[in-house]
Protein backbone atom coordinates (compact mmCIF):
# COMPACT_ATOMS: atom_id res chain seq x y z
CA UNK A 1 253.18 -161.94 -34.71
CA UNK A 2 252.53 -160.24 -31.43
CA UNK A 3 249.93 -157.49 -30.95
CA UNK A 4 252.67 -154.88 -30.47
CA UNK A 5 254.20 -155.59 -33.87
CA UNK A 6 250.86 -155.48 -35.64
CA UNK A 7 250.10 -152.02 -34.18
CA UNK A 8 253.54 -150.55 -34.66
CA UNK A 9 254.82 -150.72 -38.30
CA UNK A 10 258.39 -149.69 -39.01
CA UNK A 11 258.81 -145.93 -39.25
CA UNK A 12 261.23 -146.31 -42.13
CA UNK A 13 259.78 -148.87 -44.61
CA UNK A 14 256.31 -149.33 -43.13
CA UNK A 15 256.55 -153.09 -42.77
CA UNK A 16 255.96 -155.09 -39.69
CA UNK A 17 258.99 -156.53 -38.02
CA UNK A 18 260.88 -156.27 -34.73
CA UNK A 19 262.70 -153.08 -35.63
CA UNK A 20 262.52 -151.88 -32.08
CA UNK A 21 264.63 -154.89 -31.07
CA UNK A 22 267.27 -154.38 -33.74
CA UNK A 23 266.01 -157.10 -36.05
CA UNK A 24 267.10 -156.74 -39.73
CA UNK A 25 264.23 -156.07 -42.07
CA UNK A 26 263.72 -158.66 -44.69
CA UNK A 27 262.21 -156.07 -47.09
CA UNK A 28 264.43 -153.02 -47.06
CA UNK A 29 267.42 -154.48 -45.08
CA UNK A 30 267.81 -151.74 -42.52
CA UNK A 31 268.23 -152.20 -38.71
CA UNK A 32 267.68 -149.93 -35.83
CA UNK A 33 269.91 -150.56 -32.71
CA UNK A 34 267.94 -151.60 -29.66
CA UNK A 35 269.47 -148.78 -27.73
CA UNK A 36 267.84 -146.14 -29.92
CA UNK A 37 264.91 -144.47 -28.42
CA UNK A 38 261.53 -144.41 -30.20
CA UNK A 39 261.45 -140.62 -30.22
CA UNK A 40 264.41 -140.45 -32.56
CA UNK A 41 263.44 -139.14 -36.04
CA UNK A 42 264.35 -141.75 -38.67
CA UNK A 43 265.55 -140.80 -42.12
CA UNK A 44 263.34 -142.30 -44.80
CA UNK A 45 264.75 -145.20 -46.79
CA UNK A 46 262.72 -144.06 -49.87
CA UNK A 47 264.25 -141.82 -52.45
CA UNK A 48 263.11 -138.26 -52.50
CA UNK A 49 260.55 -137.39 -55.15
CA UNK A 50 261.50 -134.20 -57.01
CA UNK A 51 258.93 -134.27 -59.83
CA UNK A 52 255.81 -136.28 -59.44
CA UNK A 53 255.81 -139.70 -61.01
CA UNK A 54 259.08 -138.98 -62.85
CA UNK A 55 262.23 -137.68 -61.09
CA UNK A 56 263.66 -139.03 -57.86
CA UNK A 57 266.83 -138.17 -55.95
CA UNK A 58 268.77 -140.24 -53.49
CA UNK A 59 271.97 -141.83 -52.21
CA UNK A 60 273.70 -145.10 -53.05
CA UNK A 61 271.83 -146.56 -50.00
CA UNK A 62 268.58 -145.63 -51.73
CA UNK A 63 269.76 -147.15 -55.03
CA UNK A 64 270.70 -150.47 -53.18
CA UNK A 65 267.12 -151.01 -51.92
CA UNK A 66 265.68 -152.87 -54.91
CA UNK A 67 262.24 -153.60 -53.43
CA UNK A 68 261.70 -149.98 -52.35
CA UNK A 69 262.68 -148.67 -55.77
CA UNK A 70 260.13 -151.03 -57.29
CA UNK A 71 257.51 -150.03 -54.88
CA UNK A 72 257.97 -146.42 -56.04
CA UNK A 73 257.69 -147.51 -59.69
CA UNK A 74 261.33 -146.53 -60.52
CA UNK A 75 262.65 -148.33 -63.58
CA UNK A 76 265.72 -146.21 -64.62
CA UNK A 77 268.72 -145.25 -62.51
CA UNK A 78 271.23 -142.44 -63.35
CA UNK A 79 274.43 -143.29 -61.53
CA UNK A 80 276.61 -140.20 -60.83
CA UNK A 81 279.47 -142.06 -59.31
CA UNK A 82 281.88 -143.49 -61.99
CA UNK A 83 283.41 -146.01 -59.48
CA UNK A 84 280.13 -147.17 -58.20
CA UNK A 85 278.76 -150.36 -59.69
CA UNK A 86 275.28 -150.83 -60.98
CA UNK A 87 273.77 -153.36 -58.62
CA UNK A 88 270.61 -154.67 -60.38
CA UNK A 89 271.24 -154.63 -64.10
CA UNK A 90 268.41 -157.15 -64.74
CA UNK A 91 265.80 -155.04 -62.96
CA UNK A 92 266.61 -151.38 -64.01
CA UNK A 93 267.93 -149.48 -66.93
CA UNK A 94 271.23 -147.85 -65.82
CA UNK A 95 273.18 -145.02 -67.08
CA UNK A 96 276.55 -144.29 -65.34
CA UNK A 97 278.22 -140.93 -65.80
CA UNK A 98 281.96 -140.77 -66.65
CA UNK A 99 283.85 -137.66 -65.61
CA UNK A 100 287.02 -136.56 -63.92
CA UNK A 101 286.35 -133.23 -62.26
CA UNK A 102 283.34 -131.53 -63.96
CA UNK A 103 279.92 -133.00 -63.97
CA UNK A 104 278.65 -133.98 -67.44
CA UNK A 105 275.46 -132.03 -67.22
CA UNK A 106 274.56 -132.53 -70.98
CA UNK A 107 275.05 -136.17 -70.93
CA UNK A 108 272.82 -136.54 -67.77
CA UNK A 109 270.19 -134.24 -69.12
CA UNK A 110 269.93 -136.16 -72.36
CA UNK A 111 269.29 -139.43 -70.44
CA UNK A 112 266.71 -137.84 -68.17
CA UNK A 113 264.94 -136.35 -71.13
CA UNK A 114 264.67 -139.80 -72.76
CA UNK A 115 263.22 -141.15 -69.53
CA UNK A 116 260.66 -138.41 -69.46
CA UNK A 117 259.63 -139.04 -73.09
CA UNK A 118 259.20 -142.71 -72.19
CA UNK A 119 257.23 -141.74 -69.08
CA UNK A 120 259.68 -143.76 -67.00
CA UNK A 121 260.50 -142.98 -63.39
CA UNK A 122 264.24 -142.39 -62.88
CA UNK A 123 266.43 -142.20 -59.81
CA UNK A 124 269.42 -139.86 -59.82
CA UNK A 125 271.93 -140.89 -57.08
CA UNK A 126 275.52 -140.42 -55.96
CA UNK A 127 277.05 -141.69 -52.74
CA UNK A 128 275.39 -139.52 -50.16
CA UNK A 129 272.76 -137.70 -52.30
CA UNK A 130 273.90 -134.26 -50.99
CA UNK A 131 275.97 -132.59 -53.76
CA UNK A 132 276.61 -134.28 -57.10
CA UNK A 133 273.26 -135.91 -57.79
CA UNK A 134 271.31 -132.86 -56.58
CA UNK A 135 273.49 -130.72 -58.93
CA UNK A 136 272.48 -132.90 -61.82
CA UNK A 137 268.85 -132.60 -60.90
CA UNK A 138 269.18 -128.76 -60.62
CA UNK A 139 270.90 -128.64 -64.04
CA UNK A 140 267.99 -130.64 -65.58
CA UNK A 141 265.44 -128.23 -64.08
CA UNK A 142 267.30 -125.25 -65.49
CA UNK A 143 267.71 -126.72 -68.95
CA UNK A 144 264.35 -128.49 -69.36
CA UNK A 145 262.03 -126.39 -67.12
CA UNK A 146 263.67 -122.98 -67.63
CA UNK A 147 264.20 -122.37 -63.90
CA UNK A 148 267.05 -120.25 -62.69
CA UNK A 149 269.67 -121.74 -60.34
CA UNK A 150 268.13 -120.15 -57.24
CA UNK A 151 264.64 -121.53 -58.07
CA UNK A 152 266.02 -124.95 -58.89
CA UNK A 153 267.99 -125.04 -55.61
CA UNK A 154 265.01 -123.97 -53.50
CA UNK A 155 262.78 -126.69 -55.09
CA UNK A 156 265.36 -129.47 -54.59
CA UNK A 157 266.24 -128.36 -51.09
CA UNK A 158 262.50 -128.29 -50.16
CA UNK A 159 262.04 -131.82 -51.29
CA UNK A 160 265.33 -133.17 -49.96
CA UNK A 161 266.52 -131.09 -46.94
CA UNK A 162 269.82 -132.90 -46.66
CA UNK A 163 271.17 -131.34 -49.87
CA UNK A 164 274.51 -129.48 -49.29
CA UNK A 165 276.31 -128.31 -52.46
CA UNK A 166 280.09 -127.98 -52.15
CA UNK A 167 281.72 -124.85 -53.60
CA UNK A 168 283.17 -126.59 -56.66
CA UNK A 169 279.82 -128.11 -57.72
CA UNK A 170 278.09 -124.75 -57.08
CA UNK A 171 280.56 -123.03 -59.33
CA UNK A 172 279.82 -125.55 -62.06
CA UNK A 173 276.11 -124.88 -61.78
CA UNK A 174 276.74 -121.09 -62.02
CA UNK A 175 278.77 -121.64 -65.21
CA UNK A 176 275.98 -123.83 -66.56
CA UNK A 177 273.40 -121.21 -65.69
CA UNK A 178 275.41 -118.60 -67.58
CA UNK A 179 275.59 -120.89 -70.64
CA UNK A 180 271.76 -121.40 -70.65
CA UNK A 181 270.51 -117.90 -69.73
CA UNK A 182 273.52 -115.76 -70.54
CA UNK A 183 273.79 -114.41 -67.02
CA UNK A 184 274.12 -115.44 -63.43
CA UNK A 185 271.27 -114.54 -60.97
CA UNK A 186 272.89 -113.36 -57.78
CA UNK A 187 269.79 -112.73 -55.73
CA UNK A 188 271.00 -115.22 -53.08
CA UNK A 189 267.35 -115.79 -52.00
CA UNK A 190 267.18 -119.12 -50.13
CA UNK A 191 270.58 -120.24 -51.28
CA UNK A 192 273.95 -119.80 -49.63
CA UNK A 193 276.43 -117.73 -51.57
CA UNK A 194 279.08 -120.37 -51.74
CA UNK A 195 281.36 -118.28 -53.94
CA UNK A 196 282.63 -116.57 -50.76
CA UNK A 197 283.84 -119.88 -49.25
CA UNK A 198 287.43 -119.68 -50.32
CA UNK A 199 288.91 -121.56 -47.38
CA UNK A 200 291.52 -118.89 -46.72
CA UNK A 201 292.57 -118.42 -50.29
CA UNK A 202 291.69 -115.14 -52.09
CA UNK A 203 290.16 -115.14 -55.47
CA UNK A 204 291.17 -112.55 -58.06
CA UNK A 205 287.77 -111.62 -59.19
CA UNK A 206 286.18 -111.47 -55.78
CA UNK A 207 285.58 -108.16 -53.86
CA UNK A 208 285.49 -108.70 -50.09
CA UNK A 209 282.35 -107.38 -48.51
CA UNK A 210 284.46 -105.41 -46.02
CA UNK A 211 285.95 -103.33 -48.84
CA UNK A 212 282.60 -102.21 -50.22
CA UNK A 213 282.19 -98.44 -50.38
CA UNK A 214 280.35 -97.17 -47.35
CA UNK A 215 278.12 -94.09 -47.53
CA UNK A 216 279.82 -90.86 -46.41
CA UNK A 217 277.77 -88.37 -44.56
CA UNK A 218 278.93 -84.67 -44.76
CA UNK A 219 277.45 -81.72 -42.98
CA UNK A 220 276.62 -79.25 -45.80
CA UNK A 221 274.33 -77.08 -43.72
CA UNK A 222 275.67 -73.90 -42.17
CA UNK A 223 273.18 -74.00 -39.26
CA UNK A 224 274.28 -75.06 -35.85
CA UNK A 225 273.84 -78.71 -34.85
CA UNK A 226 271.01 -79.64 -32.58
CA UNK A 227 273.54 -81.55 -30.51
CA UNK A 228 275.52 -78.43 -29.67
CA UNK A 229 275.18 -77.61 -25.93
CA UNK A 230 273.13 -74.51 -25.34
CA UNK A 231 274.89 -71.77 -23.35
CA UNK A 232 272.64 -70.62 -20.53
CA UNK A 233 273.76 -67.43 -18.79
CA UNK A 234 272.43 -68.58 -15.46
CA UNK A 235 274.89 -68.73 -12.44
CA UNK A 236 274.92 -72.02 -10.49
CA UNK A 237 273.03 -72.12 -7.28
CA UNK A 238 273.73 -74.22 -4.24
CA UNK A 239 271.08 -76.50 -2.80
CA UNK A 240 270.84 -77.73 0.79
CA UNK A 241 268.17 -79.95 2.18
CA UNK A 242 266.05 -78.36 4.95
CA UNK A 243 267.26 -74.80 4.23
CA UNK A 244 266.15 -72.01 2.11
CA UNK A 245 267.95 -70.93 -1.03
CA UNK A 246 271.39 -69.41 -0.67
CA UNK A 247 271.17 -65.69 -1.49
CA UNK A 248 273.03 -64.93 -4.75
CA UNK A 249 272.75 -61.97 -7.03
CA UNK A 250 270.94 -63.89 -9.77
CA UNK A 251 268.96 -60.88 -10.98
CA UNK A 252 265.75 -62.30 -9.68
CA UNK A 253 263.83 -60.19 -7.05
CA UNK A 254 262.10 -62.54 -4.69
CA UNK A 255 260.32 -60.41 -2.00
CA UNK A 256 257.79 -62.95 -0.76
CA UNK A 257 258.37 -64.09 2.74
CA UNK A 258 257.77 -67.82 2.99
CA UNK A 259 257.25 -68.83 6.63
CA UNK A 260 259.13 -71.72 8.09
CA UNK A 261 257.30 -74.90 9.04
CA UNK A 262 257.85 -74.27 12.75
CA UNK A 263 256.13 -70.84 12.64
CA UNK A 264 252.71 -72.50 12.81
CA UNK A 265 251.25 -73.62 16.12
CA UNK A 266 250.46 -77.37 16.32
CA UNK A 267 247.88 -76.97 19.15
CA UNK A 268 245.05 -75.97 16.94
CA UNK A 269 244.61 -72.45 18.49
């Protein structure tokens, strides 16, 4: 092993191999093309830790890295993709969710609660780790921790910035929040209001923001407005550079005789 390799561990898995030259890692299986610059920020191959020593969130790519999962102490995997096979049945305890359109939050939460009681570390994953699996994690935080949807979203988003809930999944989370707490918190702090993403189709219960009642300002005072132009009874006067004022009958009696500049002698006498 050359000195350069010993001093430059891989930025993804931390092991020493020729990742800068495009060599496939024998530990985590990733490969960086040789044309990629060193300054590029690499996405971690490790699953995102949501709750310390218990709950992890990731994608199918994270779930496919057996050695990395073991290095994180993960022993259980919650598979949120019905068509996705469980890769390492001899190494992990799997639970695959079955659903058509709506996510089975209760089924997923029951499995996660069992893992928590057994003090087992569990990975929740879908294909990309951006919408379905984060929604399951948020539902668990609402049901088991008593957090509202906005709080759960902020927590998960902070620990996995790539989370992007689609409108259908977000609506299911709102319905689940209403079931648990009896109301929906619409503060919108730190969370996009996905209910307005209708993709061109209007919803019967939505009120467009443009139709909201605007405040009406009426002038109830009988006094004149300060913006009214004052009427000054002063006739206009002409002004000419280098000459005195044009005499007009303005009502002002100016009797002082102002000498012109050329009336003074310039010879000092």
